[in-house]
Amino acid sequence: MNITGTHFNYYLICHRKLWLFANGINMESTSDLVYEGKLLHETSYPRRSEKYREIELDGIKIDYFDPKNKVVHEIKKSDKHEEAHEWQVKYYLYVLERNGVVGATGLLEYPRLHKTDEVLLTTPDREAITEMLEKIATIIQAERCPERIAKTRCKNCSYFDFCWSGEGD
């Protein structure tokens, strides 16, 4: 199984969300928050698709890659899960490197916040990604769904109703 950027992101946010997504329970298609993020992605940099390429490689999908300067551009709505976003970009850089694109860097862009962070892949990052990939595979292949995390961390998640329906506040 190819691990996608979404798998990697969800691993760092919630193991339950990762397991549900990986096992075919996909709530993103009905989420207004996800739709809002896609709309932001499509409208923030309207001419970007003319300059940069979309790349699909070993299960990952990079929406904007500048092949000339070897830069991955990842757009996010909020920096609430900034660490997960950063590791998702590092994972993209890792996959690119494994496929012969050496020296690529990333830009994590938050248009609403007027914020851009550079993302680099280091040797310790490569080692951490190798370990994370093993843990992701273990979670995905588990027979049982992981337990829910604290409800306060879940309120803006597309899986909120799935995980918490019938639960009182």
N, C-alpha and C. Protein backbone atom coordinates (compact mmCIF):
# COMPACT_ATOMS: atom_id res chain seq x y z
N MET A 1 0.84 -1.20 0.00
CA MET A 1 0.00 0.00 0.00
C MET A 1 0.87 1.25 0.00
N ASN A 2 0.54 2.17 -0.86
CA ASN A 2 1.24 3.46 -0.87
C ASN A 2 0.66 4.36 0.21
N ILE A 3 1.53 4.97 0.98
CA ILE A 3 1.12 5.93 2.00
C ILE A 3 1.03 7.30 1.33
N THR A 4 -0.11 7.95 1.47
CA THR A 4 -0.32 9.26 0.86
C THR A 4 0.05 10.37 1.84
N GLY A 5 0.07 11.58 1.36
CA GLY A 5 0.28 12.73 2.23
C GLY A 5 -0.83 12.85 3.25
N THR A 6 -2.05 12.50 2.86
CA THR A 6 -3.18 12.54 3.78
C THR A 6 -2.99 11.53 4.91
N HIS A 7 -2.55 10.31 4.59
CA HIS A 7 -2.26 9.33 5.64
C HIS A 7 -1.24 9.90 6.63
N PHE A 8 -0.21 10.49 6.08
CA PHE A 8 0.87 11.02 6.91
C PHE A 8 0.35 12.13 7.82
N ASN A 9 -0.43 13.03 7.25
CA ASN A 9 -1.02 14.14 7.99
C ASN A 9 -1.92 13.61 9.11
N TYR A 10 -2.81 12.68 8.77
CA TYR A 10 -3.75 12.15 9.75
C TYR A 10 -3.03 11.39 10.87
N TYR A 11 -1.95 10.71 10.55
CA TYR A 11 -1.18 10.01 11.57
C TYR A 11 -0.76 10.98 12.68
N LEU A 12 -0.39 12.18 12.30
CA LEU A 12 0.09 13.16 13.28
C LEU A 12 -1.05 13.89 13.98
N ILE A 13 -2.24 13.82 13.43
CA ILE A 13 -3.39 14.51 14.04
C ILE A 13 -4.20 13.55 14.90
N CYS A 14 -4.57 12.38 14.34
CA CYS A 14 -5.43 11.45 15.06
C CYS A 14 -5.34 10.07 14.43
N HIS A 15 -4.93 9.09 15.22
CA HIS A 15 -4.77 7.73 14.70
C HIS A 15 -6.12 7.12 14.29
N ARG A 16 -7.18 7.50 14.99
CA ARG A 16 -8.51 7.02 14.63
C ARG A 16 -8.90 7.53 13.24
N LYS A 17 -8.69 8.81 13.01
CA LYS A 17 -8.99 9.42 11.71
C LYS A 17 -8.18 8.72 10.61
N LEU A 18 -6.92 8.45 10.87
CA LEU A 18 -6.06 7.73 9.93
C LEU A 18 -6.65 6.37 9.61
N TRP A 19 -7.01 5.60 10.63
CA TRP A 19 -7.53 4.26 10.43
C TRP A 19 -8.84 4.30 9.63
N LEU A 20 -9.74 5.20 10.01
CA LEU A 20 -11.03 5.30 9.32
C LEU A 20 -10.82 5.64 7.84
N PHE A 21 -10.00 6.64 7.57
CA PHE A 21 -9.72 7.06 6.20
C PHE A 21 -9.10 5.93 5.40
N ALA A 22 -8.10 5.28 5.98
CA ALA A 22 -7.38 4.22 5.27
C ALA A 22 -8.25 2.99 5.03
N ASN A 23 -9.29 2.83 5.85
CA ASN A 23 -10.18 1.69 5.71
C ASN A 23 -11.49 2.04 5.01
N GLY A 24 -11.44 3.10 4.22
CA GLY A 24 -12.55 3.41 3.32
C GLY A 24 -13.69 4.20 3.90
N ILE A 25 -13.54 4.70 5.11
CA ILE A 25 -14.58 5.56 5.69
C ILE A 25 -14.12 6.99 5.50
N ASN A 26 -14.62 7.61 4.45
CA ASN A 26 -14.14 8.92 4.03
C ASN A 26 -15.23 9.96 4.25
N MET A 27 -15.02 10.85 5.18
CA MET A 27 -16.01 11.87 5.52
C MET A 27 -15.71 13.22 4.86
N GLU A 28 -14.57 13.34 4.19
CA GLU A 28 -14.18 14.62 3.61
C GLU A 28 -15.16 15.11 2.55
N SER A 29 -15.76 14.19 1.80
CA SER A 29 -16.62 14.60 0.70
C SER A 29 -17.89 15.31 1.16
N THR A 30 -18.26 15.15 2.44
CA THR A 30 -19.46 15.80 2.95
C THR A 30 -19.14 16.95 3.90
N SER A 31 -17.88 17.28 4.07
CA SER A 31 -17.48 18.29 5.04
C SER A 31 -17.39 19.68 4.42
N ASP A 32 -18.12 20.63 5.03
CA ASP A 32 -18.04 22.02 4.58
C ASP A 32 -16.64 22.58 4.81
N LEU A 33 -15.99 22.16 5.90
CA LEU A 33 -14.64 22.65 6.20
C LEU A 33 -13.64 22.19 5.14
N VAL A 34 -13.77 20.96 4.70
CA VAL A 34 -12.88 20.45 3.65
C VAL A 34 -13.16 21.19 2.34
N TYR A 35 -14.44 21.41 2.04
CA TYR A 35 -14.80 22.15 0.82
C TYR A 35 -14.21 23.56 0.87
N GLU A 36 -14.31 24.19 2.02
CA GLU A 36 -13.76 25.54 2.19
C GLU A 36 -12.24 25.54 1.94
N GLY A 37 -11.56 24.52 2.42
CA GLY A 37 -10.12 24.39 2.20
C GLY A 37 -9.79 24.21 0.73
N LYS A 38 -10.59 23.40 0.03
CA LYS A 38 -10.37 23.19 -1.41
C LYS A 38 -10.60 24.48 -2.18
N LEU A 39 -11.64 25.21 -1.80
CA LEU A 39 -11.93 26.49 -2.45
C LEU A 39 -10.78 27.48 -2.24
N LEU A 40 -10.26 27.54 -1.04
CA LEU A 40 -9.12 28.40 -0.74
C LEU A 40 -7.92 28.00 -1.59
N HIS A 41 -7.71 26.72 -1.72
CA HIS A 41 -6.61 26.18 -2.51
C HIS A 41 -6.73 26.61 -3.97
N GLU A 42 -7.94 26.57 -4.50
CA GLU A 42 -8.16 26.89 -5.91
C GLU A 42 -8.15 28.38 -6.21
N THR A 43 -8.46 29.21 -5.20
CA THR A 43 -8.61 30.65 -5.46
C THR A 43 -7.47 31.51 -4.94
N SER A 44 -6.64 30.99 -4.06
CA SER A 44 -5.60 31.82 -3.45
C SER A 44 -4.52 32.25 -4.44
N TYR A 45 -4.14 31.36 -5.30
CA TYR A 45 -3.08 31.64 -6.27
C TYR A 45 -3.59 31.21 -7.65
N PRO A 46 -4.47 32.01 -8.26
CA PRO A 46 -5.16 31.57 -9.48
C PRO A 46 -4.26 31.26 -10.67
N ARG A 47 -3.10 31.86 -10.76
CA ARG A 47 -2.23 31.63 -11.91
C ARG A 47 -1.17 30.56 -11.65
N ARG A 48 -1.17 30.02 -10.46
CA ARG A 48 -0.15 29.05 -10.09
C ARG A 48 -0.17 27.81 -10.98
N SER A 49 -1.35 27.34 -11.35
CA SER A 49 -1.42 26.12 -12.16
C SER A 49 -0.82 26.32 -13.54
N GLU A 50 -0.68 27.57 -13.97
CA GLU A 50 -0.03 27.84 -15.25
C GLU A 50 1.49 27.68 -15.15
N LYS A 51 2.04 27.96 -13.97
CA LYS A 51 3.49 27.95 -13.78
C LYS A 51 4.03 26.62 -13.25
N TYR A 52 3.24 25.96 -12.41
CA TYR A 52 3.74 24.79 -11.71
C TYR A 52 2.97 23.55 -12.12
N ARG A 53 3.51 22.41 -11.75
CA ARG A 53 2.92 21.12 -12.14
C ARG A 53 2.30 20.41 -10.96
N GLU A 54 1.31 19.59 -11.29
CA GLU A 54 0.79 18.64 -10.32
C GLU A 54 1.57 17.34 -10.53
N ILE A 55 1.98 16.73 -9.45
CA ILE A 55 2.76 15.49 -9.54
C ILE A 55 2.07 14.41 -8.71
N GLU A 56 1.92 13.23 -9.28
CA GLU A 56 1.48 12.06 -8.54
C GLU A 56 2.60 11.04 -8.63
N LEU A 57 3.06 10.59 -7.45
CA LEU A 57 4.23 9.73 -7.40
C LEU A 57 4.17 8.85 -6.15
N ASP A 58 4.25 7.55 -6.31
CA ASP A 58 4.26 6.62 -5.18
C ASP A 58 3.14 6.91 -4.16
N GLY A 59 1.97 7.24 -4.65
CA GLY A 59 0.83 7.46 -3.76
C GLY A 59 0.64 8.89 -3.28
N ILE A 60 1.63 9.75 -3.47
CA ILE A 60 1.45 11.13 -3.05
C ILE A 60 0.95 11.96 -4.23
N LYS A 61 0.29 13.06 -3.92
CA LYS A 61 -0.16 14.00 -4.94
C LYS A 61 0.24 15.39 -4.50
N ILE A 62 1.18 15.97 -5.23
CA ILE A 62 1.64 17.33 -4.94
C ILE A 62 0.92 18.24 -5.93
N ASP A 63 0.14 19.15 -5.39
CA ASP A 63 -0.67 20.01 -6.25
C ASP A 63 0.16 21.02 -7.03
N TYR A 64 1.17 21.57 -6.38
CA TYR A 64 2.00 22.57 -7.05
C TYR A 64 3.48 22.27 -6.81
N PHE A 65 4.16 21.91 -7.88
CA PHE A 65 5.60 21.66 -7.81
C PHE A 65 6.28 22.51 -8.86
N ASP A 66 7.26 23.27 -8.42
CA ASP A 66 8.06 24.11 -9.32
C ASP A 66 9.28 23.27 -9.71
N PRO A 67 9.27 22.66 -10.90
CA PRO A 67 10.37 21.77 -11.28
C PRO A 67 11.68 22.50 -11.52
N LYS A 68 11.61 23.75 -11.92
CA LYS A 68 12.83 24.52 -12.18
C LYS A 68 13.61 24.76 -10.89
N ASN A 69 12.92 25.18 -9.84
CA ASN A 69 13.57 25.48 -8.56
C ASN A 69 13.43 24.34 -7.55
N LYS A 70 12.74 23.25 -7.94
CA LYS A 70 12.51 22.09 -7.09
C LYS A 70 11.87 22.48 -5.76
N VAL A 71 10.69 23.13 -5.86
CA VAL A 71 9.98 23.58 -4.67
C VAL A 71 8.56 23.02 -4.67
N VAL A 72 8.21 22.38 -3.56
CA VAL A 72 6.85 21.91 -3.32
C VAL A 72 6.09 23.04 -2.64
N HIS A 73 4.92 23.37 -3.17
CA HIS A 73 4.05 24.39 -2.56
C HIS A 73 2.84 23.66 -1.98
N GLU A 74 2.60 23.82 -0.69
CA GLU A 74 1.45 23.21 -0.03
C GLU A 74 0.64 24.32 0.62
N ILE A 75 -0.63 24.42 0.25
CA ILE A 75 -1.52 25.47 0.76
C ILE A 75 -2.43 24.88 1.83
N LYS A 76 -2.52 25.58 2.94
CA LYS A 76 -3.39 25.15 4.03
C LYS A 76 -4.24 26.32 4.50
N LYS A 77 -5.41 25.98 5.02
CA LYS A 77 -6.38 26.99 5.44
C LYS A 77 -5.97 27.64 6.77
N SER A 78 -5.46 26.83 7.68
CA SER A 78 -5.15 27.30 9.02
C SER A 78 -3.86 26.64 9.49
N ASP A 79 -3.20 27.27 10.44
CA ASP A 79 -1.98 26.67 10.98
C ASP A 79 -2.25 25.90 12.27
N LYS A 80 -3.51 25.53 12.48
CA LYS A 80 -3.89 24.80 13.70
C LYS A 80 -3.09 23.50 13.84
N HIS A 81 -2.86 22.83 12.74
CA HIS A 81 -2.09 21.57 12.76
C HIS A 81 -0.77 21.76 12.01
N GLU A 82 -0.09 22.83 12.32
CA GLU A 82 1.11 23.20 11.58
C GLU A 82 2.17 22.11 11.57
N GLU A 83 2.36 21.43 12.68
CA GLU A 83 3.37 20.37 12.73
C GLU A 83 3.02 19.25 11.75
N ALA A 84 1.75 18.86 11.72
CA ALA A 84 1.31 17.82 10.78
C ALA A 84 1.50 18.28 9.34
N HIS A 85 1.21 19.55 9.07
CA HIS A 85 1.40 20.09 7.72
C HIS A 85 2.87 20.06 7.33
N GLU A 86 3.72 20.45 8.25
CA GLU A 86 5.16 20.46 7.99
C GLU A 86 5.67 19.05 7.67
N TRP A 87 5.24 18.07 8.47
CA TRP A 87 5.68 16.70 8.23
C TRP A 87 5.11 16.14 6.93
N GLN A 88 3.91 16.58 6.56
CA GLN A 88 3.35 16.16 5.27
C GLN A 88 4.24 16.64 4.13
N VAL A 89 4.70 17.88 4.19
CA VAL A 89 5.59 18.41 3.16
C VAL A 89 6.93 17.68 3.21
N LYS A 90 7.44 17.42 4.41
CA LYS A 90 8.69 16.66 4.52
C LYS A 90 8.54 15.28 3.89
N TYR A 91 7.38 14.68 4.07
CA TYR A 91 7.13 13.38 3.45
C TYR A 91 7.14 13.50 1.93
N TYR A 92 6.56 14.56 1.40
CA TYR A 92 6.61 14.78 -0.06
C TYR A 92 8.06 14.90 -0.53
N LEU A 93 8.87 15.65 0.22
CA LEU A 93 10.28 15.81 -0.13
C LEU A 93 11.01 14.47 -0.07
N TYR A 94 10.67 13.66 0.91
CA TYR A 94 11.25 12.32 1.09
C TYR A 94 10.93 11.44 -0.12
N VAL A 95 9.67 11.45 -0.54
CA VAL A 95 9.26 10.63 -1.69
C VAL A 95 9.93 11.14 -2.97
N LEU A 96 9.99 12.45 -3.14
CA LEU A 96 10.69 13.01 -4.30
C LEU A 96 12.15 12.56 -4.33
N GLU A 97 12.80 12.63 -3.17
CA GLU A 97 14.21 12.24 -3.06
C GLU A 97 14.40 10.76 -3.40
N ARG A 98 13.50 9.93 -2.90
CA ARG A 98 13.56 8.49 -3.21
C ARG A 98 13.42 8.22 -4.70
N ASN A 99 12.84 9.17 -5.40
CA ASN A 99 12.62 9.03 -6.84
C ASN A 99 13.58 9.89 -7.66
N GLY A 100 14.70 10.29 -7.05
CA GLY A 100 15.75 10.96 -7.79
C GLY A 100 15.71 12.47 -7.84
N VAL A 101 14.73 13.10 -7.19
CA VAL A 101 14.68 14.56 -7.14
C VAL A 101 15.38 15.00 -5.86
N VAL A 102 16.67 15.28 -5.98
CA VAL A 102 17.50 15.61 -4.82
C VAL A 102 17.55 17.12 -4.63
N GLY A 103 17.49 17.56 -3.37
CA GLY A 103 17.63 18.97 -3.06
C GLY A 103 16.35 19.77 -3.14
N ALA A 104 15.20 19.11 -3.22
CA ALA A 104 13.94 19.85 -3.25
C ALA A 104 13.66 20.44 -1.87
N THR A 105 12.93 21.53 -1.85
CA THR A 105 12.50 22.17 -0.62
C THR A 105 10.99 22.38 -0.70
N GLY A 106 10.42 22.83 0.40
CA GLY A 106 8.98 23.03 0.43
C GLY A 106 8.62 24.39 0.98
N LEU A 107 7.46 24.86 0.56
CA LEU A 107 6.88 26.07 1.12
C LEU A 107 5.48 25.72 1.61
N LEU A 108 5.26 25.93 2.88
CA LEU A 108 3.96 25.73 3.49
C LEU A 108 3.29 27.10 3.55
N GLU A 109 2.18 27.23 2.83
CA GLU A 109 1.56 28.54 2.65
C GLU A 109 0.19 28.60 3.32
N TYR A 110 0.00 29.65 4.10
CA TYR A 110 -1.26 29.93 4.77
C TYR A 110 -1.76 31.29 4.26
N PRO A 111 -2.47 31.31 3.12
CA PRO A 111 -2.86 32.58 2.51
C PRO A 111 -3.69 33.49 3.42
N ARG A 112 -4.60 32.92 4.18
CA ARG A 112 -5.43 33.75 5.07
C ARG A 112 -4.62 34.42 6.17
N LEU A 113 -3.52 33.79 6.55
CA LEU A 113 -2.68 34.33 7.61
C LEU A 113 -1.52 35.16 7.05
N HIS A 114 -1.43 35.20 5.73
CA HIS A 114 -0.30 35.87 5.06
C HIS A 114 1.02 35.34 5.63
N LYS A 115 1.10 34.03 5.69
CA LYS A 115 2.25 33.37 6.32
C LYS A 115 2.77 32.28 5.40
N THR A 116 4.09 32.21 5.25
CA THR A 116 4.73 31.16 4.48
C THR A 116 5.93 30.64 5.27
N ASP A 117 6.02 29.32 5.40
CA ASP A 117 7.14 28.70 6.12
C ASP A 117 7.91 27.81 5.16
N GLU A 118 9.23 27.92 5.20
CA GLU A 118 10.08 27.04 4.40
C GLU A 118 10.21 25.70 5.12
N VAL A 119 10.18 24.62 4.35
CA VAL A 119 10.31 23.28 4.90
C VAL A 119 11.48 22.59 4.22
N LEU A 120 12.39 22.05 5.04
CA LEU A 120 13.56 21.34 4.55
C LEU A 120 13.53 19.91 5.10
N LEU A 121 14.19 19.02 4.40
CA LEU A 121 14.28 17.62 4.83
C LEU A 121 15.70 17.36 5.30
N THR A 122 15.83 16.95 6.57
CA THR A 122 17.15 16.69 7.16
C THR A 122 17.35 15.19 7.36
N THR A 123 18.56 14.80 7.68
CA THR A 123 18.84 13.39 7.95
C THR A 123 18.00 12.86 9.11
N PRO A 124 17.89 13.59 10.23
CA PRO A 124 17.01 13.09 11.30
C PRO A 124 15.55 12.97 10.84
N ASP A 125 15.11 13.87 9.96
CA ASP A 125 13.74 13.79 9.42
C ASP A 125 13.55 12.50 8.64
N ARG A 126 14.53 12.15 7.83
CA ARG A 126 14.44 10.92 7.04
C ARG A 126 14.28 9.70 7.94
N GLU A 127 15.04 9.69 9.03
CA GLU A 127 14.97 8.58 9.98
C GLU A 127 13.60 8.55 10.67
N ALA A 128 13.11 9.72 11.04
CA ALA A 128 11.79 9.81 11.69
C ALA A 128 10.69 9.37 10.73
N ILE A 129 10.79 9.75 9.47
CA ILE A 129 9.79 9.36 8.48
C ILE A 129 9.77 7.85 8.31
N THR A 130 10.93 7.22 8.28
CA THR A 130 11.00 5.76 8.16
C THR A 130 10.25 5.10 9.33
N GLU A 131 10.46 5.61 10.53
CA GLU A 131 9.76 5.07 11.70
C GLU A 131 8.27 5.34 11.62
N MET A 132 7.89 6.55 11.21
CA MET A 132 6.47 6.91 11.10
C MET A 132 5.76 6.03 10.07
N LEU A 133 6.42 5.74 8.98
CA LEU A 133 5.82 4.88 7.96
C LEU A 133 5.49 3.50 8.51
N GLU A 134 6.36 2.97 9.33
CA GLU A 134 6.11 1.67 9.96
C GLU A 134 4.90 1.76 10.90
N LYS A 135 4.84 2.83 11.68
CA LYS A 135 3.72 3.00 12.62
C LYS A 135 2.41 3.24 11.87
N ILE A 136 2.46 3.99 10.79
CA ILE A 136 1.26 4.22 9.97
C ILE A 136 0.74 2.89 9.43
N ALA A 137 1.63 2.08 8.91
CA ALA A 137 1.24 0.77 8.37
C ALA A 137 0.61 -0.09 9.46
N THR A 138 1.17 -0.06 10.65
CA THR A 138 0.62 -0.85 11.77
C THR A 138 -0.79 -0.39 12.11
N ILE A 139 -1.01 0.91 12.17
CA ILE A 139 -2.34 1.45 12.49
C ILE A 139 -3.34 1.09 11.40
N ILE A 140 -2.95 1.29 10.16
CA ILE A 140 -3.85 1.02 9.02
C ILE A 140 -4.26 -0.45 8.97
N GLN A 141 -3.32 -1.34 9.27
CA GLN A 141 -3.58 -2.77 9.16
C GLN A 141 -4.22 -3.38 10.40
N ALA A 142 -4.37 -2.59 11.44
CA ALA A 142 -4.99 -3.11 12.66
C ALA A 142 -6.45 -3.51 12.40
N GLU A 143 -6.89 -4.54 13.09
CA GLU A 143 -8.28 -5.00 12.91
C GLU A 143 -9.28 -4.06 13.56
N ARG A 144 -8.85 -3.40 14.62
CA ARG A 144 -9.76 -2.52 15.36
C ARG A 144 -9.39 -1.06 15.17
N CYS A 145 -10.41 -0.25 15.14
CA CYS A 145 -10.23 1.20 15.04
C CYS A 145 -9.66 1.73 16.36
N PRO A 146 -8.68 2.62 16.31
CA PRO A 146 -8.15 3.22 17.55
C PRO A 146 -9.24 4.00 18.30
N GLU A 147 -9.03 4.18 19.57
CA GLU A 147 -9.97 4.92 20.41
C GLU A 147 -10.03 6.39 19.99
N ARG A 148 -11.11 7.04 20.38
CA ARG A 148 -11.25 8.48 20.12
C ARG A 148 -10.25 9.26 20.98
N ILE A 149 -9.88 10.43 20.47
CA ILE A 149 -9.04 11.31 21.27
C ILE A 149 -9.95 12.29 22.00
N ALA A 150 -9.39 13.21 22.77
CA ALA A 150 -10.17 14.17 23.53
C ALA A 150 -11.12 14.95 22.61
N LYS A 151 -12.37 15.02 22.99
CA LYS A 151 -13.41 15.64 22.18
C LYS A 151 -13.09 17.10 21.84
N THR A 152 -12.43 17.80 22.72
CA THR A 152 -12.12 19.21 22.48
C THR A 152 -11.22 19.40 21.26
N ARG A 153 -10.43 18.38 20.91
CA ARG A 153 -9.55 18.48 19.75
C ARG A 153 -10.27 18.13 18.45
N CYS A 154 -11.51 17.68 18.56
CA CYS A 154 -12.22 17.12 17.40
C CYS A 154 -13.23 18.05 16.75
N LYS A 155 -13.56 19.16 17.33
CA LYS A 155 -14.75 19.89 16.90
C LYS A 155 -14.74 20.34 15.43
N ASN A 156 -13.58 20.57 14.83
CA ASN A 156 -13.53 20.98 13.41
C ASN A 156 -13.13 19.84 12.48
N CYS A 157 -13.23 18.62 12.97
CA CYS A 157 -12.84 17.46 12.17
C CYS A 157 -14.02 16.97 11.33
N SER A 158 -13.74 16.56 10.10
CA SER A 158 -14.80 16.05 9.23
C SER A 158 -15.38 14.74 9.76
N TYR A 159 -14.69 14.07 10.68
CA TYR A 159 -15.17 12.82 11.28
C TYR A 159 -15.88 13.04 12.62
N PHE A 160 -16.06 14.29 13.02
CA PHE A 160 -16.62 14.58 14.34
C PHE A 160 -17.95 13.87 14.57
N ASP A 161 -18.90 14.05 13.66
CA ASP A 161 -20.22 13.43 13.84
C ASP A 161 -20.12 11.91 13.85
N PHE A 162 -19.25 11.36 13.02
CA PHE A 162 -19.07 9.91 12.98
C PHE A 162 -18.60 9.40 14.34
N CYS A 163 -17.60 10.06 14.90
CA CYS A 163 -17.01 9.60 16.15
C CYS A 163 -17.86 9.92 17.38
N TRP A 164 -18.58 11.03 17.34
CA TRP A 164 -19.21 11.54 18.55
C TRP A 164 -20.74 11.57 18.49
N SER A 165 -21.38 11.08 17.44
CA SER A 165 -22.85 11.14 17.40
C SER A 165 -23.42 10.33 18.55
N GLY A 166 -24.44 10.89 19.16
CA GLY A 166 -25.06 10.22 20.30
C GLY A 166 -24.40 10.50 21.62
N GLU A 167 -23.28 11.23 21.61
CA GLU A 167 -22.58 11.56 22.85
C GLU A 167 -23.04 12.92 23.34
N GLY A 168 -23.35 13.04 24.60
CA GLY A 168 -23.72 14.33 25.18
C GLY A 168 -22.51 15.21 25.38
N ASP A 169 -22.76 16.51 25.46
CA ASP A 169 -21.66 17.46 25.69
C ASP A 169 -21.30 17.47 27.10
